[in-house]
Amino acid sequence: MIPMGVVALDGLGGRLLIDVVAIFVLAIAMFWRRHQRRDLVVLYVVFNIGLFAAVVVISEGEVAAAVGFGLFAVLSIIRLRAEQLSYAEIAYFFAAIVLGLVAAVDIGDPGATAGLAALILAAPALIDHPRALRDNHRMELTLERVIDDSAELRAEVQRRVGAPVVALEVLDLDYVREVTRVQVHVLAARA
């Protein structure tokens, strides 16, 4: 018998609790604090909880495997059309999906489920921490003259953006219109 006020972490209720706590840590404590994107927080939480519910219904219910595959086929055609997501935003989205899957499937040991959720949370917590890696910004520039010497081009771009150039790629040299289009990655200023 479980004493009053103590929550059992076994069964569906325990896995749901692990998932809800984990997705809120991921979406609010980590993603929101670092990236301030309310729309993506909503996406991550709702998609995670919806996926958790769908996987539970498929794995524990009397639903045929074909229905499960059909559901995932429908999910796979959903596209995020509003804008392109950055790689970091896609990584958080992937983590939200995996958290839902890991928590929804009953592997028999709530400690193992919690441990896997903690492992999934540890990756973005460490690698996306502002002190872990210095951020860089990508931009496209169009210079109103042709610069075909790479050292001169790098110096000119660095002078214009006022930040150290990490990478530089020439997209177009147009000798007729006398323009040079480049894609450049620059280091962000340290906070």
Protein backbone atom coordinates (compact mmCIF):
# COMPACT_ATOMS: atom_id res chain seq x y z
CA MET A 1 0.00 0.00 0.00
CA ILE A 2 1.28 3.45 -0.95
CA PRO A 3 1.07 6.10 1.79
CA MET A 4 -1.19 9.09 1.15
CA GLY A 5 0.63 11.87 -0.71
CA VAL A 6 3.24 9.57 -2.33
CA VAL A 7 2.88 9.09 -6.06
CA ALA A 8 3.67 5.68 -7.50
CA LEU A 9 5.89 5.87 -10.57
CA ASP A 10 4.80 2.55 -11.97
CA GLY A 11 2.19 2.06 -14.66
CA LEU A 12 0.73 4.53 -17.10
CA GLY A 13 0.32 7.31 -14.53
CA GLY A 14 3.99 7.17 -13.59
CA ARG A 15 5.11 7.23 -17.23
CA LEU A 16 2.79 10.16 -17.92
CA LEU A 17 4.25 12.01 -14.92
CA ILE A 18 7.79 11.35 -16.17
CA ASP A 19 6.84 12.62 -19.64
CA VAL A 20 5.06 15.76 -18.42
CA VAL A 21 7.91 16.71 -16.08
CA ALA A 22 10.51 16.01 -18.78
CA ILE A 23 8.75 17.96 -21.54
CA PHE A 24 8.25 20.95 -19.26
CA VAL A 25 11.92 20.88 -18.28
CA LEU A 26 12.88 20.68 -21.96
CA ALA A 27 10.41 23.25 -23.29
CA ILE A 28 10.21 25.78 -20.46
CA ALA A 29 13.31 25.48 -18.29
CA MET A 30 15.72 24.97 -21.18
CA PHE A 31 14.30 26.03 -24.55
CA TRP A 32 12.19 29.02 -23.44
CA ARG A 33 14.90 30.45 -21.18
CA ARG A 34 17.50 30.22 -23.95
CA HIS A 35 15.53 30.96 -27.12
CA GLN A 36 12.34 32.84 -26.06
CA ARG A 37 10.11 31.23 -28.73
CA ARG A 38 6.61 30.81 -27.28
CA ASP A 39 5.26 29.31 -30.50
CA LEU A 40 7.81 26.51 -30.45
CA VAL A 41 7.27 25.82 -26.73
CA VAL A 42 3.59 25.25 -27.53
CA LEU A 43 4.54 23.01 -30.48
CA TYR A 44 6.98 20.93 -28.42
CA VAL A 45 4.61 20.39 -25.49
CA VAL A 46 1.48 19.67 -27.53
CA PHE A 47 3.28 17.39 -29.99
CA ASN A 48 4.95 15.50 -27.13
CA ILE A 49 1.73 14.93 -25.19
CA GLY A 50 -0.18 14.01 -28.35
CA LEU A 51 2.51 11.54 -29.38
CA PHE A 52 2.56 10.06 -25.87
CA ALA A 53 -1.21 9.50 -26.03
CA ALA A 54 -1.08 8.02 -29.53
CA VAL A 55 1.72 5.59 -28.65
CA VAL A 56 -0.08 4.51 -25.46
CA VAL A 57 -3.27 3.84 -27.42
CA ILE A 58 -1.36 1.89 -30.05
CA SER A 59 0.81 -0.11 -27.66
CA GLU A 60 -1.65 -0.79 -24.84
CA GLY A 61 -4.98 -0.68 -26.62
CA GLU A 62 -6.78 -3.07 -28.87
CA VAL A 63 -5.72 -1.12 -31.94
CA ALA A 64 -4.29 -3.06 -34.85
CA ALA A 65 -0.71 -2.39 -35.95
CA ALA A 66 -2.02 -1.14 -39.29
CA VAL A 67 -3.88 1.68 -37.52
CA GLY A 68 -0.65 2.62 -35.74
CA PHE A 69 1.30 2.71 -38.98
CA GLY A 70 -1.48 4.76 -40.54
CA LEU A 71 -1.34 7.26 -37.69
CA PHE A 72 2.41 7.68 -38.08
CA ALA A 73 1.98 8.03 -41.84
CA VAL A 74 -0.45 10.89 -41.22
CA LEU A 75 1.97 12.46 -38.72
CA SER A 76 4.81 12.21 -41.24
CA ILE A 77 2.99 14.31 -43.84
CA ILE A 78 2.51 17.20 -41.42
CA ARG A 79 4.93 19.93 -42.33
CA LEU A 80 5.91 22.99 -40.39
CA ARG A 81 5.25 25.51 -43.17
CA ALA A 82 5.41 28.83 -41.38
CA GLU A 83 9.18 29.14 -41.38
CA GLN A 84 12.35 27.17 -41.47
CA LEU A 85 13.52 26.01 -38.09
CA SER A 86 17.11 26.35 -37.02
CA TYR A 87 19.09 23.20 -36.34
CA ALA A 88 18.89 23.87 -32.60
CA GLU A 89 15.09 24.18 -32.80
CA ILE A 90 14.91 20.93 -34.76
CA ALA A 91 17.08 19.24 -32.11
CA TYR A 92 14.68 20.33 -29.36
CA PHE A 93 11.75 19.11 -31.49
CA PHE A 94 13.47 15.74 -31.89
CA ALA A 95 14.07 15.56 -28.13
CA ALA A 96 10.37 16.33 -27.49
CA ILE A 97 9.36 13.50 -29.83
CA VAL A 98 11.80 11.01 -28.29
CA LEU A 99 10.69 11.93 -24.76
CA GLY A 100 7.09 11.16 -25.72
CA LEU A 101 8.05 7.83 -27.26
CA VAL A 102 10.33 6.75 -24.40
CA ALA A 103 7.75 7.58 -21.73
CA ALA A 104 4.80 6.06 -23.60
CA VAL A 105 6.30 2.61 -24.11
CA ASP A 106 6.17 0.47 -20.99
CA ILE A 107 9.65 -1.04 -20.60
CA GLY A 108 8.75 -2.40 -17.18
CA ASP A 109 11.09 -0.27 -15.08
CA PRO A 110 10.04 3.29 -14.22
CA GLY A 111 13.60 4.03 -13.11
CA ALA A 112 14.92 3.13 -16.54
CA THR A 113 12.27 5.32 -18.18
CA ALA A 114 13.20 8.23 -15.91
CA GLY A 115 16.90 7.58 -16.59
CA LEU A 116 16.38 7.63 -20.36
CA ALA A 117 14.36 10.86 -20.06
CA ALA A 118 17.17 12.38 -17.98
CA LEU A 119 19.70 11.32 -20.62
CA ILE A 120 17.61 12.93 -23.36
CA LEU A 121 17.39 16.13 -21.30
CA ALA A 122 21.11 16.14 -20.52
CA ALA A 123 22.13 16.45 -24.17
CA PRO A 124 20.52 19.84 -24.92
CA ALA A 125 21.17 21.03 -21.36
CA LEU A 126 24.89 20.61 -21.89
CA ILE A 127 25.44 21.30 -25.58
CA ASP A 128 23.02 24.23 -25.92
CA HIS A 129 24.25 25.96 -22.78
CA PRO A 130 25.49 29.47 -23.62
CA ARG A 131 28.89 28.73 -22.09
CA ALA A 132 29.36 25.44 -23.98
CA LEU A 133 29.79 26.74 -27.50
CA ARG A 134 30.10 30.24 -28.86
CA ASP A 135 27.20 31.14 -31.13
CA ASN A 136 27.63 32.24 -34.71
CA HIS A 137 25.28 33.91 -37.12
CA ARG A 138 24.77 33.12 -40.79
CA MET A 139 23.93 35.84 -43.26
CA GLU A 140 24.01 36.54 -46.96
CA LEU A 141 25.68 39.70 -48.22
CA THR A 142 25.65 41.30 -51.63
CA LEU A 143 28.67 43.49 -52.28
CA GLU A 144 28.37 46.06 -55.05
CA ARG A 145 31.63 45.09 -56.69
CA VAL A 146 33.33 41.92 -57.83
CA ILE A 147 35.94 40.62 -55.40
CA ASP A 148 37.53 37.43 -56.67
CA ASP A 149 40.53 37.37 -54.30
CA SER A 150 39.58 35.31 -51.21
CA ALA A 151 41.82 37.21 -48.75
CA GLU A 152 40.51 40.57 -49.95
CA LEU A 153 36.92 39.28 -49.82
CA ARG A 154 37.33 37.99 -46.25
CA ALA A 155 38.84 41.33 -45.13
CA GLU A 156 36.04 43.33 -46.79
CA VAL A 157 33.28 41.16 -45.30
CA GLN A 158 34.87 41.30 -41.85
CA ARG A 159 35.16 45.09 -42.12
CA ARG A 160 31.49 45.40 -43.08
CA VAL A 161 30.01 43.07 -40.47
CA GLY A 162 32.37 44.12 -37.70
CA ALA A 163 32.81 40.61 -36.33
CA PRO A 164 35.25 37.74 -36.86
CA VAL A 165 34.39 35.68 -39.94
CA VAL A 166 34.18 31.95 -39.20
CA ALA A 167 33.27 30.74 -42.69
CA LEU A 168 32.76 32.38 -46.05
CA GLU A 169 31.25 30.96 -49.22
CA VAL A 170 30.93 32.77 -52.53
CA LEU A 171 27.43 32.23 -53.87
CA ASP A 172 27.73 34.31 -57.04
CA LEU A 173 30.24 36.47 -58.88
CA ASP A 174 28.36 38.58 -61.40
CA TYR A 175 30.77 40.46 -63.64
CA VAL A 176 27.92 42.04 -65.66
CA ARG A 177 26.12 43.64 -62.71
CA GLU A 178 29.40 43.91 -60.79
CA VAL A 179 28.21 42.21 -57.59
CA THR A 180 29.54 39.51 -55.33
CA ARG A 181 27.08 37.49 -53.26
CA VAL A 182 28.47 35.63 -50.25
CA GLN A 183 27.17 33.57 -47.38
CA VAL A 184 29.07 34.29 -44.21
CA HIS A 185 29.18 32.90 -40.68
CA VAL A 186 30.37 35.34 -38.02
CA LEU A 187 31.00 34.85 -34.32
CA ALA A 188 28.41 36.43 -32.07
CA ALA A 189 29.57 38.84 -29.44
CA ARG A 190 30.15 37.26 -26.03
CA ALA A 191 27.45 38.02 -23.50
